[in-house]
Amino acid sequence: ADDKADTLAWFTDQSPALIRRPVGDGRIFHFPWMPGLSYGRPIPGNGNLPTGFDYGLRRLIIQPVELANVRPAVALSEELVEAPMLMSEAGAAVTFLNWTGKKIEMLTVAAAVDFIPREVVSARHGALKMERKDDRIVFQLPLDTADVVALHG
């Protein structure tokens, strides 16, 4: 840390947990520890996936991304759901992993794709209703532990 840096979060002993420093037109965020190892430590699960992730630690880890106003390709109505999207000439596929430890009755998904899908199909639930909102395709699905949804071009 130096006179250009500011501390955004502290540990209980008042040592810095997250430091931000301007560099040119950008910013550097520095964790003077290994947050991923702390967050990903083995956690007893519900038999399928680990659960019980620390909400406060998760908020701290994603804070630099939020402060940079990064808009994810797949936005979800629930936290602790992993949803990477794979693109191809035929369309897109979104894989869903539910890390909450409980079934989500209805997950709302807003996916940014550069085409209008002719159909959206869940591997577990079949065809899903979709609508276009701004630059996103929006659909809903119930989610137990995992699913894959294809957006056919």
Protein backbone atom coordinates (compact mmCIF):
# COMPACT_ATOMS: atom_id res chain seq x y z
CA ALA A 1 0.00 0.00 0.00
CA ASP A 2 1.09 3.57 -0.62
CA ASP A 3 -0.41 7.08 -0.56
CA LYS A 4 -2.32 6.39 -3.82
CA ALA A 5 -3.88 3.17 -2.53
CA ASP A 6 -6.94 2.87 -0.38
CA THR A 7 -8.12 -0.04 1.71
CA LEU A 8 -11.63 -1.28 0.89
CA ALA A 9 -11.90 -4.03 3.53
CA TRP A 10 -10.12 -4.99 6.74
CA PHE A 11 -9.67 -8.12 8.80
CA THR A 12 -10.76 -8.05 12.45
CA ASP A 13 -7.14 -7.28 13.46
CA GLN A 14 -7.38 -4.14 11.21
CA SER A 15 -4.90 -5.46 8.63
CA PRO A 16 -5.94 -4.86 4.99
CA ALA A 17 -8.08 -7.53 3.33
CA LEU A 18 -8.59 -5.70 0.00
CA ILE A 19 -6.56 -2.81 -1.39
CA ARG A 20 -7.30 -0.70 -4.49
CA ARG A 21 -4.75 1.46 -6.30
CA PRO A 22 -5.25 3.58 -9.42
CA VAL A 23 -2.96 2.84 -12.37
CA GLY A 24 -3.40 5.06 -15.43
CA ASP A 25 -7.10 4.94 -16.34
CA GLY A 26 -7.55 1.63 -14.49
CA ARG A 27 -7.28 0.16 -11.03
CA ILE A 28 -5.44 -2.70 -9.40
CA PHE A 29 -7.20 -4.67 -6.69
CA HIS A 30 -4.94 -6.61 -4.37
CA PHE A 31 -5.79 -9.25 -1.80
CA PRO A 32 -2.74 -9.59 0.50
CA TRP A 33 -3.84 -13.21 1.19
CA MET A 34 -5.34 -16.07 -0.85
CA PRO A 35 -9.12 -15.58 -0.84
CA GLY A 36 -9.82 -18.38 -3.32
CA LEU A 37 -8.20 -20.96 -1.07
CA SER A 38 -10.20 -19.72 1.92
CA TYR A 39 -13.45 -19.65 -0.05
CA GLY A 40 -12.92 -23.02 -1.71
CA ARG A 41 -11.83 -24.93 1.37
CA PRO A 42 -13.55 -28.31 1.64
CA ILE A 43 -17.09 -27.84 2.91
CA PRO A 44 -19.37 -30.73 3.79
CA GLY A 45 -22.07 -31.03 1.15
CA ASN A 46 -25.54 -32.43 0.81
CA GLY A 47 -24.27 -35.58 -0.90
CA ASN A 48 -24.08 -34.01 -4.36
CA LEU A 49 -22.16 -30.72 -4.22
CA PRO A 50 -20.36 -28.84 -1.44
CA THR A 51 -22.50 -26.21 0.34
CA GLY A 52 -22.15 -23.62 3.09
CA PHE A 53 -19.95 -21.11 1.28
CA ASP A 54 -19.23 -17.93 3.24
CA TYR A 55 -21.48 -15.14 1.89
CA GLY A 56 -19.30 -12.30 3.22
CA LEU A 57 -16.15 -13.78 1.74
CA ARG A 58 -17.91 -14.27 -1.61
CA ARG A 59 -19.04 -10.61 -1.61
CA LEU A 60 -15.46 -9.49 -0.90
CA ILE A 61 -13.99 -11.63 -3.69
CA ILE A 62 -16.43 -10.37 -6.33
CA GLN A 63 -16.25 -6.73 -5.22
CA PRO A 64 -13.54 -5.73 -7.77
CA VAL A 65 -15.66 -7.13 -10.62
CA GLU A 66 -18.73 -5.25 -9.40
CA LEU A 67 -16.77 -2.01 -8.93
CA ALA A 68 -15.53 -2.36 -12.53
CA ASN A 69 -19.19 -2.58 -13.66
CA VAL A 70 -18.56 -5.90 -15.42
CA ARG A 71 -21.84 -7.29 -16.70
CA PRO A 72 -21.82 -11.10 -16.76
CA ALA A 73 -22.85 -12.91 -19.95
CA VAL A 74 -25.36 -14.86 -17.85
CA ALA A 75 -27.20 -13.00 -15.07
CA LEU A 76 -29.14 -15.05 -12.52
CA SER A 77 -31.87 -14.37 -9.97
CA GLU A 78 -30.02 -16.44 -7.32
CA GLU A 79 -26.48 -16.29 -6.00
CA LEU A 80 -24.34 -19.39 -5.63
CA VAL A 81 -25.31 -20.76 -9.03
CA GLU A 82 -22.47 -21.22 -11.49
CA ALA A 83 -23.52 -20.62 -15.11
CA PRO A 84 -20.76 -20.45 -17.72
CA MET A 85 -21.88 -20.07 -21.33
CA LEU A 86 -20.25 -21.75 -24.32
CA MET A 87 -20.81 -20.26 -27.79
CA SER A 88 -20.64 -21.96 -31.20
CA GLU A 89 -21.94 -21.47 -34.73
CA ALA A 90 -25.00 -23.57 -33.80
CA GLY A 91 -25.94 -21.45 -30.78
CA ALA A 92 -25.00 -21.47 -27.12
CA ALA A 93 -25.05 -23.80 -24.13
CA VAL A 94 -25.24 -22.73 -20.49
CA THR A 95 -24.24 -25.20 -17.81
CA PHE A 96 -25.77 -24.70 -14.37
CA LEU A 97 -24.31 -25.89 -11.06
CA ASN A 98 -26.37 -25.09 -7.98
CA TRP A 99 -24.07 -24.57 -4.98
CA THR A 100 -26.85 -23.40 -2.61
CA GLY A 101 -27.51 -26.86 -1.16
CA LYS A 102 -31.25 -26.60 -1.86
CA LYS A 103 -33.50 -26.90 -4.88
CA ILE A 104 -34.32 -23.60 -6.57
CA GLU A 105 -38.00 -23.66 -7.48
CA MET A 106 -37.61 -21.18 -10.33
CA LEU A 107 -34.33 -19.62 -11.47
CA THR A 108 -34.58 -16.62 -13.78
CA VAL A 109 -31.80 -16.48 -16.36
CA ALA A 110 -30.87 -13.53 -18.61
CA ALA A 111 -28.30 -14.55 -21.22
CA ALA A 112 -26.52 -12.10 -23.53
CA VAL A 113 -26.27 -13.66 -26.98
CA ASP A 114 -25.82 -12.03 -30.38
CA PHE A 115 -28.67 -13.97 -31.97
CA ILE A 116 -32.33 -14.73 -31.26
CA PRO A 117 -32.64 -18.42 -30.46
CA ARG A 118 -35.31 -20.41 -32.27
CA GLU A 119 -35.65 -22.51 -29.10
CA VAL A 120 -34.27 -22.85 -25.57
CA VAL A 121 -34.06 -26.44 -24.30
CA SER A 122 -33.15 -27.78 -20.85
CA ALA A 123 -31.54 -31.24 -20.64
CA ARG A 124 -33.77 -31.98 -17.61
CA HIS A 125 -36.99 -30.11 -18.41
CA GLY A 126 -37.21 -29.91 -22.20
CA ALA A 127 -38.34 -26.80 -24.07
CA LEU A 128 -38.46 -23.58 -22.05
CA LYS A 129 -40.39 -20.39 -22.74
CA MET A 130 -38.17 -17.44 -23.53
CA GLU A 131 -38.52 -13.76 -24.22
CA ARG A 132 -36.21 -11.03 -25.44
CA LYS A 133 -35.57 -8.18 -22.98
CA ASP A 134 -33.18 -5.51 -24.20
CA ASP A 135 -30.02 -7.35 -25.27
CA ARG A 136 -30.82 -10.52 -23.31
CA ILE A 137 -32.75 -13.74 -23.75
CA VAL A 138 -34.70 -14.40 -20.55
CA PHE A 139 -36.02 -17.77 -19.44
CA GLN A 140 -36.80 -19.64 -16.23
CA LEU A 141 -36.15 -23.16 -15.02
CA PRO A 142 -36.33 -25.14 -11.80
CA LEU A 143 -32.83 -26.19 -10.70
CA ASP A 144 -31.90 -29.07 -8.45
CA THR A 145 -28.12 -29.65 -8.54
CA ALA A 146 -27.23 -29.28 -12.23
CA ASP A 147 -28.62 -28.78 -15.73
CA VAL A 148 -27.53 -27.76 -19.22
CA VAL A 149 -29.61 -25.44 -21.39
CA ALA A 150 -29.10 -25.15 -25.14
CA LEU A 151 -30.01 -21.95 -26.98
CA HIS A 152 -30.40 -23.13 -30.59
CA GLY A 153 -29.61 -20.53 -33.25
